[in-house]
PDB file of N, CA and C in Angstrom:
ATOM      1  N   UNK A   1     175.293 152.114 101.111  1.00  0.00           N
ATOM      2  CA  UNK A   1     176.052 150.928 101.449  1.00  0.00           C
ATOM      3  C   UNK A   1     175.286 150.080 102.463  1.00  0.00           C
ATOM      4  N   UNK A   2     174.567 150.705 103.356  1.00  0.00           N
ATOM      5  CA  UNK A   2     173.829 149.946 104.364  1.00  0.00           C
ATOM      6  C   UNK A   2     172.831 149.001 103.724  1.00  0.00           C
ATOM      7  N   UNK A   3     172.152 149.450 102.678  1.00  0.00           N
ATOM      8  CA  UNK A   3     171.151 148.600 102.052  1.00  0.00           C
ATOM      9  C   UNK A   3     171.798 147.359 101.441  1.00  0.00           C
ATOM     10  N   UNK A   4     173.003 147.511 100.892  1.00  0.00           N
ATOM     11  CA  UNK A   4     173.696 146.375 100.310  1.00  0.00           C
ATOM     12  C   UNK A   4     174.103 145.364 101.375  1.00  0.00           C
ATOM     13  N   UNK A   5     174.428 145.820 102.566  1.00  0.00           N
ATOM     14  CA  UNK A   5     174.864 144.925 103.632  1.00  0.00           C
ATOM     15  C   UNK A   5     173.684 144.281 104.350  1.00  0.00           C
ATOM     16  N   UNK A   6     172.471 144.708 104.052  1.00  0.00           N
ATOM     17  CA  UNK A   6     171.311 144.124 104.701  1.00  0.00           C
ATOM     18  C   UNK A   6     170.938 144.818 105.997  1.00  0.00           C
ATOM     19  N   UNK A   7     171.570 145.950 106.277  1.00  0.00           N
ATOM     20  CA  UNK A   7     171.269 146.679 107.504  1.00  0.00           C
ATOM     21  C   UNK A   7     170.140 147.663 107.250  1.00  0.00           C
ATOM     22  N   UNK A   8     169.402 147.922 108.300  1.00  0.00           N
ATOM     23  CA  UNK A   8     168.405 148.977 108.221  1.00  0.00           C
ATOM     24  C   UNK A   8     168.758 150.004 109.272  1.00  0.00           C
ATOM     25  N   UNK A   9     168.488 151.245 109.007  1.00  0.00           N
ATOM     26  CA  UNK A   9     168.796 152.258 110.000  1.00  0.00           C
ATOM     27  C   UNK A   9     167.573 152.492 110.875  1.00  0.00           C
ATOM     28  N   UNK A  10     167.840 152.864 112.091  1.00  0.00           N
ATOM     29  CA  UNK A  10     166.769 153.103 113.038  1.00  0.00           C
ATOM     30  C   UNK A  10     166.973 154.479 113.651  1.00  0.00           C
ATOM     31  N   UNK A  11     165.924 155.244 113.716  1.00  0.00           N
ATOM     32  CA  UNK A  11     166.027 156.587 114.264  1.00  0.00           C
ATOM     33  C   UNK A  11     166.294 156.522 115.761  1.00  0.00           C
ATOM     34  N   UNK A  12     165.605 155.655 116.476  1.00  0.00           N
ATOM     35  CA  UNK A  12     165.812 155.524 117.911  1.00  0.00           C
ATOM     36  C   UNK A  12     166.415 154.157 118.217  1.00  0.00           C
ATOM     37  N   UNK A  13     167.689 154.162 118.521  1.00  0.00           N
ATOM     38  CA  UNK A  13     168.384 152.926 118.851  1.00  0.00           C
ATOM     39  C   UNK A  13     168.567 152.880 120.361  1.00  0.00           C
ATOM     40  N   UNK A  14     167.994 151.849 120.979  1.00  0.00           N
ATOM     41  CA  UNK A  14     168.175 151.686 122.417  1.00  0.00           C
ATOM     42  C   UNK A  14     169.619 151.294 122.679  1.00  0.00           C
ATOM     43  N   UNK A  15     170.189 151.788 123.752  1.00  0.00           N
ATOM     44  CA  UNK A  15     171.540 151.346 124.073  1.00  0.00           C
ATOM     45  C   UNK A  15     171.519 149.874 124.486  1.00  0.00           C
ATOM     46  N   UNK A  16     172.607 149.191 124.196  1.00  0.00           N
ATOM     47  CA  UNK A  16     172.692 147.788 124.581  1.00  0.00           C
ATOM     48  C   UNK A  16     173.785 147.622 125.625  1.00  0.00           C
ATOM     49  N   UNK A  17     173.690 146.545 126.375  1.00  0.00           N
ATOM     50  CA  UNK A  17     174.688 146.271 127.412  1.00  0.00           C
ATOM     51  C   UNK A  17     175.979 145.802 126.756  1.00  0.00           C
ATOM     52  N   UNK A  18     177.034 145.732 127.545  1.00  0.00           N
ATOM     53  CA  UNK A  18     178.322 145.263 127.040  1.00  0.00           C
ATOM     54  C   UNK A  18     178.188 143.840 126.482  1.00  0.00           C
ATOM     55  N   UNK A  19     177.535 142.994 127.239  1.00  0.00           N
ATOM     56  CA  UNK A  19     177.360 141.599 126.833  1.00  0.00           C
ATOM     57  C   UNK A  19     176.540 141.502 125.542  1.00  0.00           C
ATOM     58  N   UNK A  20     175.467 142.258 125.457  1.00  0.00           N
ATOM     59  CA  UNK A  20     174.654 142.272 124.251  1.00  0.00           C
ATOM     60  C   UNK A  20     175.481 142.762 123.059  1.00  0.00           C
ATOM     61  N   UNK A  21     176.291 143.770 123.287  1.00  0.00           N
ATOM     62  CA  UNK A  21     177.159 144.298 122.233  1.00  0.00           C
ATOM     63  C   UNK A  21     178.131 143.257 121.721  1.00  0.00           C
ATOM     64  N   UNK A  22     178.643 142.423 122.620  1.00  0.00           N
ATOM     65  CA  UNK A  22     179.565 141.368 122.212  1.00  0.00           C
ATOM     66  C   UNK A  22     178.850 140.330 121.354  1.00  0.00           C
ATOM     67  N   UNK A  23     177.639 139.973 121.706  1.00  0.00           N
ATOM     68  CA  UNK A  23     176.865 139.038 120.885  1.00  0.00           C
ATOM     69  C   UNK A  23     176.570 139.652 119.516  1.00  0.00           C
ATOM     70  N   UNK A  24     176.210 140.910 119.492  1.00  0.00           N
ATOM     71  CA  UNK A  24     175.927 141.579 118.222  1.00  0.00           C
ATOM     72  C   UNK A  24     177.177 141.634 117.353  1.00  0.00           C
ATOM     73  N   UNK A  25     178.317 141.963 117.961  1.00  0.00           N
ATOM     74  CA  UNK A  25     179.578 142.003 117.212  1.00  0.00           C
ATOM     75  C   UNK A  25     179.928 140.614 116.686  1.00  0.00           C
ATOM     76  N   UNK A  26     179.712 139.575 117.515  1.00  0.00           N
ATOM     77  CA  UNK A  26     179.992 138.210 117.076  1.00  0.00           C
ATOM     78  C   UNK A  26     179.128 137.854 115.869  1.00  0.00           C
ATOM     79  N   UNK A  27     177.851 138.190 115.936  1.00  0.00           N
ATOM     80  CA  UNK A  27     176.948 137.905 114.817  1.00  0.00           C
ATOM     81  C   UNK A  27     177.456 138.587 113.549  1.00  0.00           C
ATOM     82  N   UNK A  28     177.874 139.835 113.686  1.00  0.00           N
ATOM     83  CA  UNK A  28     178.388 140.585 112.529  1.00  0.00           C
ATOM     84  C   UNK A  28     179.619 139.915 111.939  1.00  0.00           C
ATOM     85  N   UNK A  29     180.626 139.672 112.772  1.00  0.00           N
ATOM     86  CA  UNK A  29     181.882 139.115 112.269  1.00  0.00           C
ATOM     87  C   UNK A  29     181.721 137.684 111.761  1.00  0.00           C
ATOM     88  N   UNK A  30     180.956 136.865 112.466  1.00  0.00           N
ATOM     89  CA  UNK A  30     180.718 135.492 112.021  1.00  0.00           C
ATOM     90  C   UNK A  30     180.066 135.501 110.646  1.00  0.00           C
ATOM     91  N   UNK A  31     179.058 136.349 110.477  1.00  0.00           N
ATOM     92  CA  UNK A  31     178.341 136.433 109.199  1.00  0.00           C
ATOM     93  C   UNK A  31     179.257 136.912 108.079  1.00  0.00           C
ATOM     94  N   UNK A  32     180.133 137.844 108.404  1.00  0.00           N
ATOM     95  CA  UNK A  32     181.051 138.382 107.404  1.00  0.00           C
ATOM     96  C   UNK A  32     182.077 137.324 106.972  1.00  0.00           C
ATOM     97  N   UNK A  33     182.648 136.616 107.925  1.00  0.00           N
ATOM     98  CA  UNK A  33     183.683 135.618 107.633  1.00  0.00           C
ATOM     99  C   UNK A  33     183.094 134.367 106.976  1.00  0.00           C
ATOM    100  N   UNK A  34     181.960 133.895 107.479  1.00  0.00           N
ATOM    101  CA  UNK A  34     181.385 132.631 107.016  1.00  0.00           C
ATOM    102  C   UNK A  34     180.299 132.779 105.960  1.00  0.00           C
ATOM    103  N   UNK A  35     179.942 134.017 105.660  1.00  0.00           N
ATOM    104  CA  UNK A  35     178.909 134.321 104.663  1.00  0.00           C
ATOM    105  C   UNK A  35     177.561 133.694 104.983  1.00  0.00           C
ATOM    106  N   UNK A  36     177.328 133.484 106.262  1.00  0.00           N
ATOM    107  CA  UNK A  36     176.021 133.022 106.748  1.00  0.00           C
ATOM    108  C   UNK A  36     175.963 133.349 108.235  1.00  0.00           C
ATOM    109  N   UNK A  37     174.782 133.581 108.763  1.00  0.00           N
ATOM    110  CA  UNK A  37     174.652 133.918 110.180  1.00  0.00           C
ATOM    111  C   UNK A  37     175.054 132.739 111.068  1.00  0.00           C
ATOM    112  N   UNK A  38     175.436 133.020 112.301  1.00  0.00           N
ATOM    113  CA  UNK A  38     175.784 131.929 113.213  1.00  0.00           C
ATOM    114  C   UNK A  38     174.550 131.183 113.696  1.00  0.00           C
ATOM    115  N   UNK A  39     174.749 129.922 114.037  1.00  0.00           N
ATOM    116  CA  UNK A  39     173.725 129.146 114.729  1.00  0.00           C
ATOM    117  C   UNK A  39     173.905 129.416 116.223  1.00  0.00           C
ATOM    118  N   UNK A  40     172.897 129.112 116.995  1.00  0.00           N
ATOM    119  CA  UNK A  40     173.027 129.302 118.442  1.00  0.00           C
ATOM    120  C   UNK A  40     174.183 128.467 118.988  1.00  0.00           C
ATOM    121  N   UNK A  41     174.444 127.302 118.404  1.00  0.00           N
ATOM    122  CA  UNK A  41     175.555 126.457 118.846  1.00  0.00           C
ATOM    123  C   UNK A  41     176.902 127.140 118.621  1.00  0.00           C
ATOM    124  N   UNK A  42     177.024 127.932 117.557  1.00  0.00           N
ATOM    125  CA  UNK A  42     178.264 128.677 117.307  1.00  0.00           C
ATOM    126  C   UNK A  42     178.503 129.702 118.417  1.00  0.00           C
ATOM    127  N   UNK A  43     177.446 130.373 118.825  1.00  0.00           N
ATOM    128  CA  UNK A  43     177.562 131.363 119.900  1.00  0.00           C
ATOM    129  C   UNK A  43     177.853 130.678 121.227  1.00  0.00           C
ATOM    130  N   UNK A  44     177.235 129.541 121.436  1.00  0.00           N
ATOM    131  CA  UNK A  44     177.469 128.781 122.667  1.00  0.00           C
ATOM    132  C   UNK A  44     178.946 128.413 122.787  1.00  0.00           C
ATOM    133  N   UNK A  45     179.538 127.927 121.710  1.00  0.00           N
ATOM    134  CA  UNK A  45     180.959 127.566 121.735  1.00  0.00           C
ATOM    135  C   UNK A  45     181.837 128.786 121.955  1.00  0.00           C
ATOM    136  N   UNK A  46     181.559 129.882 121.259  1.00  0.00           N
ATOM    137  CA  UNK A  46     182.405 131.072 121.362  1.00  0.00           C
ATOM    138  C   UNK A  46     182.362 131.680 122.760  1.00  0.00           C
ATOM    139  N   UNK A  47     181.166 131.844 123.295  1.00  0.00           N
ATOM    140  CA  UNK A  47     181.013 132.503 124.593  1.00  0.00           C
ATOM    141  C   UNK A  47     181.100 131.531 125.776  1.00  0.00           C
ATOM    142  N   UNK A  48     181.161 130.242 125.477  1.00  0.00           N
ATOM    143  CA  UNK A  48     181.263 129.193 126.492  1.00  0.00           C
ATOM    144  C   UNK A  48     180.157 129.307 127.540  1.00  0.00           C
ATOM    145  N   UNK A  49     178.927 129.309 127.018  1.00  0.00           N
ATOM    146  CA  UNK A  49     177.741 129.387 127.871  1.00  0.00           C
ATOM    147  C   UNK A  49     176.800 128.247 127.491  1.00  0.00           C
ATOM    148  N   UNK A  50     175.753 128.081 128.277  1.00  0.00           N
ATOM    149  CA  UNK A  50     174.799 127.000 128.044  1.00  0.00           C
ATOM    150  C   UNK A  50     173.835 127.358 126.902  1.00  0.00           C
ATOM    151  N   UNK A  51     173.248 126.347 126.279  1.00  0.00           N
ATOM    152  CA  UNK A  51     172.257 126.614 125.223  1.00  0.00           C
ATOM    153  C   UNK A  51     171.110 127.529 125.670  1.00  0.00           C
ATOM    154  N   UNK A  52     170.557 127.338 126.897  1.00  0.00           N
ATOM    155  CA  UNK A  52     169.485 128.256 127.300  1.00  0.00           C
ATOM    156  C   UNK A  52     169.954 129.714 127.433  1.00  0.00           C
ATOM    157  N   UNK A  53     171.214 129.912 127.829  1.00  0.00           N
ATOM    158  CA  UNK A  53     171.751 131.277 127.946  1.00  0.00           C
ATOM    159  C   UNK A  53     171.811 131.955 126.589  1.00  0.00           C
ATOM    160  N   UNK A  54     172.290 131.226 125.588  1.00  0.00           N
ATOM    161  CA  UNK A  54     172.365 131.788 124.241  1.00  0.00           C
ATOM    162  C   UNK A  54     170.961 132.082 123.724  1.00  0.00           C
ATOM    163  N   UNK A  55     170.058 131.143 123.900  1.00  0.00           N
ATOM    164  CA  UNK A  55     168.694 131.332 123.399  1.00  0.00           C
ATOM    165  C   UNK A  55     168.031 132.545 124.054  1.00  0.00           C
ATOM    166  N   UNK A  56     168.221 132.703 125.349  1.00  0.00           N
ATOM    167  CA  UNK A  56     167.645 133.856 126.043  1.00  0.00           C
ATOM    168  C   UNK A  56     168.232 135.164 125.511  1.00  0.00           C
ATOM    169  N   UNK A  57     169.538 135.167 125.233  1.00  0.00           N
ATOM    170  CA  UNK A  57     170.165 136.375 124.684  1.00  0.00           C
ATOM    171  C   UNK A  57     169.588 136.689 123.306  1.00  0.00           C
ATOM    172  N   UNK A  58     169.390 135.675 122.480  1.00  0.00           N
ATOM    173  CA  UNK A  58     168.804 135.888 121.157  1.00  0.00           C
ATOM    174  C   UNK A  58     167.400 136.466 121.280  1.00  0.00           C
ATOM    175  N   UNK A  59     166.610 135.923 122.196  1.00  0.00           N
ATOM    176  CA  UNK A  59     165.259 136.453 122.415  1.00  0.00           C
ATOM    177  C   UNK A  59     165.308 137.905 122.883  1.00  0.00           C
ATOM    178  N   UNK A  60     166.262 138.222 123.752  1.00  0.00           N
ATOM    179  CA  UNK A  60     166.417 139.592 124.256  1.00  0.00           C
ATOM    180  C   UNK A  60     166.825 140.543 123.136  1.00  0.00           C
ATOM    181  N   UNK A  61     167.794 140.132 122.325  1.00  0.00           N
ATOM    182  CA  UNK A  61     168.240 140.976 121.206  1.00  0.00           C
ATOM    183  C   UNK A  61     167.107 141.202 120.215  1.00  0.00           C
ATOM    184  N   UNK A  62     166.314 140.174 119.999  1.00  0.00           N
ATOM    185  CA  UNK A  62     165.181 140.303 119.087  1.00  0.00           C
ATOM    186  C   UNK A  62     164.099 141.216 119.677  1.00  0.00           C
ATOM    187  N   UNK A  63     163.821 141.067 120.961  1.00  0.00           N
ATOM    188  CA  UNK A  63     162.809 141.904 121.619  1.00  0.00           C
ATOM    189  C   UNK A  63     163.207 143.381 121.609  1.00  0.00           C
ATOM    190  N   UNK A  64     164.512 143.644 121.683  1.00  0.00           N
ATOM    191  CA  UNK A  64     165.017 145.020 121.661  1.00  0.00           C
ATOM    192  C   UNK A  64     165.235 145.540 120.247  1.00  0.00           C
ATOM    193  N   UNK A  65     164.870 144.725 119.262  1.00  0.00           N
ATOM    194  CA  UNK A  65     164.956 145.096 117.842  1.00  0.00           C
ATOM    195  C   UNK A  65     166.383 145.368 117.376  1.00  0.00           C
ATOM    196  N   UNK A  66     167.323 144.609 117.924  1.00  0.00           N
ATOM    197  CA  UNK A  66     168.709 144.673 117.457  1.00  0.00           C
ATOM    198  C   UNK A  66     168.932 143.655 116.344  1.00  0.00           C
ATOM    199  N   UNK A  67     168.137 142.585 116.361  1.00  0.00           N
ATOM    200  CA  UNK A  67     168.222 141.545 115.339  1.00  0.00           C
ATOM    201  C   UNK A  67     166.815 141.162 114.906  1.00  0.00           C
ATOM    202  N   UNK A  68     166.769 140.431 113.795  1.00  0.00           N
ATOM    203  CA  UNK A  68     165.501 139.892 113.297  1.00  0.00           C
ATOM    204  C   UNK A  68     165.762 138.438 112.921  1.00  0.00           C
ATOM    205  N   UNK A  69     164.792 137.571 113.168  1.00  0.00           N
ATOM    206  CA  UNK A  69     164.915 136.154 112.812  1.00  0.00           C
ATOM    207  C   UNK A  69     163.675 135.700 112.069  1.00  0.00           C
ATOM    208  N   UNK A  70     163.814 134.596 111.347  1.00  0.00           N
ATOM    209  CA  UNK A  70     162.685 133.950 110.707  1.00  0.00           C
ATOM    210  C   UNK A  70     162.319 132.755 111.572  1.00  0.00           C
ATOM    211  N   UNK A  71     161.130 132.741 112.163  1.00  0.00           N
ATOM    212  CA  UNK A  71     160.734 131.629 113.040  1.00  0.00           C
ATOM    213  C   UNK A  71     160.820 130.286 112.335  1.00  0.00           C
ATOM    214  N   UNK A  72     161.381 129.309 113.034  1.00  0.00           N
ATOM    215  CA  UNK A  72     161.470 127.954 112.514  1.00  0.00           C
ATOM    216  C   UNK A  72     162.572 127.720 111.499  1.00  0.00           C
ATOM    217  N   UNK A  73     163.365 128.751 111.219  1.00  0.00           N
ATOM    218  CA  UNK A  73     164.438 128.621 110.232  1.00  0.00           C
ATOM    219  C   UNK A  73     165.780 128.849 110.919  1.00  0.00           C
ATOM    220  N   UNK A  74     166.666 127.879 110.831  1.00  0.00           N
ATOM    221  CA  UNK A  74     167.986 128.008 111.420  1.00  0.00           C
ATOM    222  C   UNK A  74     168.837 129.031 110.684  1.00  0.00           C
ATOM    223  N   UNK A  75     169.799 129.586 111.385  1.00  0.00           N
ATOM    224  CA  UNK A  75     170.743 130.559 110.814  1.00  0.00           C
ATOM    225  C   UNK A  75     170.031 131.696 110.083  1.00  0.00           C
ATOM    226  N   UNK A  76     169.003 132.215 110.689  1.00  0.00           N
ATOM    227  CA  UNK A  76     168.234 133.279 110.035  1.00  0.00           C
ATOM    228  C   UNK A  76     168.402 134.632 110.723  1.00  0.00           C
ATOM    229  N   UNK A  77     169.390 134.751 111.614  1.00  0.00           N
ATOM    230  CA  UNK A  77     169.597 136.012 112.333  1.00  0.00           C
ATOM    231  C   UNK A  77     170.086 137.085 111.366  1.00  0.00           C
ATOM    232  N   UNK A  78     169.461 138.252 111.445  1.00  0.00           N
ATOM    233  CA  UNK A  78     169.862 139.393 110.626  1.00  0.00           C
ATOM    234  C   UNK A  78     170.003 140.601 111.539  1.00  0.00           C
ATOM    235  N   UNK A  79     171.169 141.230 111.498  1.00  0.00           N
ATOM    236  CA  UNK A  79     171.389 142.428 112.317  1.00  0.00           C
ATOM    237  C   UNK A  79     170.548 143.583 111.789  1.00  0.00           C
ATOM    238  N   UNK A  80     170.028 144.372 112.707  1.00  0.00           N
ATOM    239  CA  UNK A  80     169.267 145.560 112.328  1.00  0.00           C
ATOM    240  C   UNK A  80     170.041 146.827 112.664  1.00  0.00           C
ATOM    241  N   UNK A  81     171.325 146.663 112.987  1.00  0.00           N
ATOM    242  CA  UNK A  81     172.194 147.784 113.305  1.00  0.00           C
ATOM    243  C   UNK A  81     173.314 147.856 112.277  1.00  0.00           C
ATOM    244  N   UNK A  82     173.782 149.039 112.021  1.00  0.00           N
ATOM    245  CA  UNK A  82     174.921 149.219 111.117  1.00  0.00           C
ATOM    246  C   UNK A  82     176.209 148.869 111.847  1.00  0.00           C
ATOM    247  N   UNK A  83     177.231 148.510 111.121  1.00  0.00           N
ATOM    248  CA  UNK A  83     178.521 148.129 111.707  1.00  0.00           C
ATOM    249  C   UNK A  83     179.056 149.224 112.620  1.00  0.00           C
ATOM    250  N   UNK A  84     178.917 150.459 112.223  1.00  0.00           N
ATOM    251  CA  UNK A  84     179.465 151.561 113.027  1.00  0.00           C
ATOM    252  C   UNK A  84     178.760 151.720 114.378  1.00  0.00           C
ATOM    253  N   UNK A  85     177.609 151.095 114.531  1.00  0.00           N
ATOM    254  CA  UNK A  85     176.886 151.134 115.814  1.00  0.00           C
ATOM    255  C   UNK A  85     177.284 149.994 116.739  1.00  0.00           C
ATOM    256  N   UNK A  86     178.134 149.084 116.260  1.00  0.00           N
ATOM    257  CA  UNK A  86     178.528 147.912 117.038  1.00  0.00           C
ATOM    258  C   UNK A  86     179.896 148.117 117.690  1.00  0.00           C
ATOM    259  N   UNK A  87     180.104 147.499 118.836  1.00  0.00           N
ATOM    260  CA  UNK A  87     181.437 147.559 119.448  1.00  0.00           C
ATOM    261  C   UNK A  87     182.364 146.556 118.760  1.00  0.00           C
ATOM    262  N   UNK A  88     183.649 146.642 119.054  1.00  0.00           N
ATOM    263  CA  UNK A  88     184.585 145.646 118.567  1.00  0.00           C
ATOM    264  C   UNK A  88     184.405 144.374 119.372  1.00  0.00           C
ATOM    265  N   UNK A  89     184.645 143.245 118.739  1.00  0.00           N
ATOM    266  CA  UNK A  89     184.552 141.960 119.424  1.00  0.00           C
ATOM    267  C   UNK A  89     185.814 141.766 120.256  1.00  0.00           C
ATOM    268  N   UNK A  90     185.607 141.443 121.512  1.00  0.00           N
ATOM    269  CA  UNK A  90     186.756 141.260 122.426  1.00  0.00           C
ATOM    270  C   UNK A  90     187.195 139.825 122.478  1.00  0.00           C
TER     271      UNK A  90
END
């Protein structure tokens, strides 16, 4: 089922912070409901933070290998974690 959802499994998953977990959960639920990944502006509106804050979080999630993006392409965020590894969105 993971392969169908676009998730990949990872043997060593670094723990993520509460805030990072909320962003990951948002990406999951937004993608599921809207059938496309969120834009940074969608996250900015939901979390009520500045554009640089969202961008820094995306860079952090990508550096920690929680997500993958295609450079230069909007709405290209792909989760690299399975749903069961994500917290509930608060």
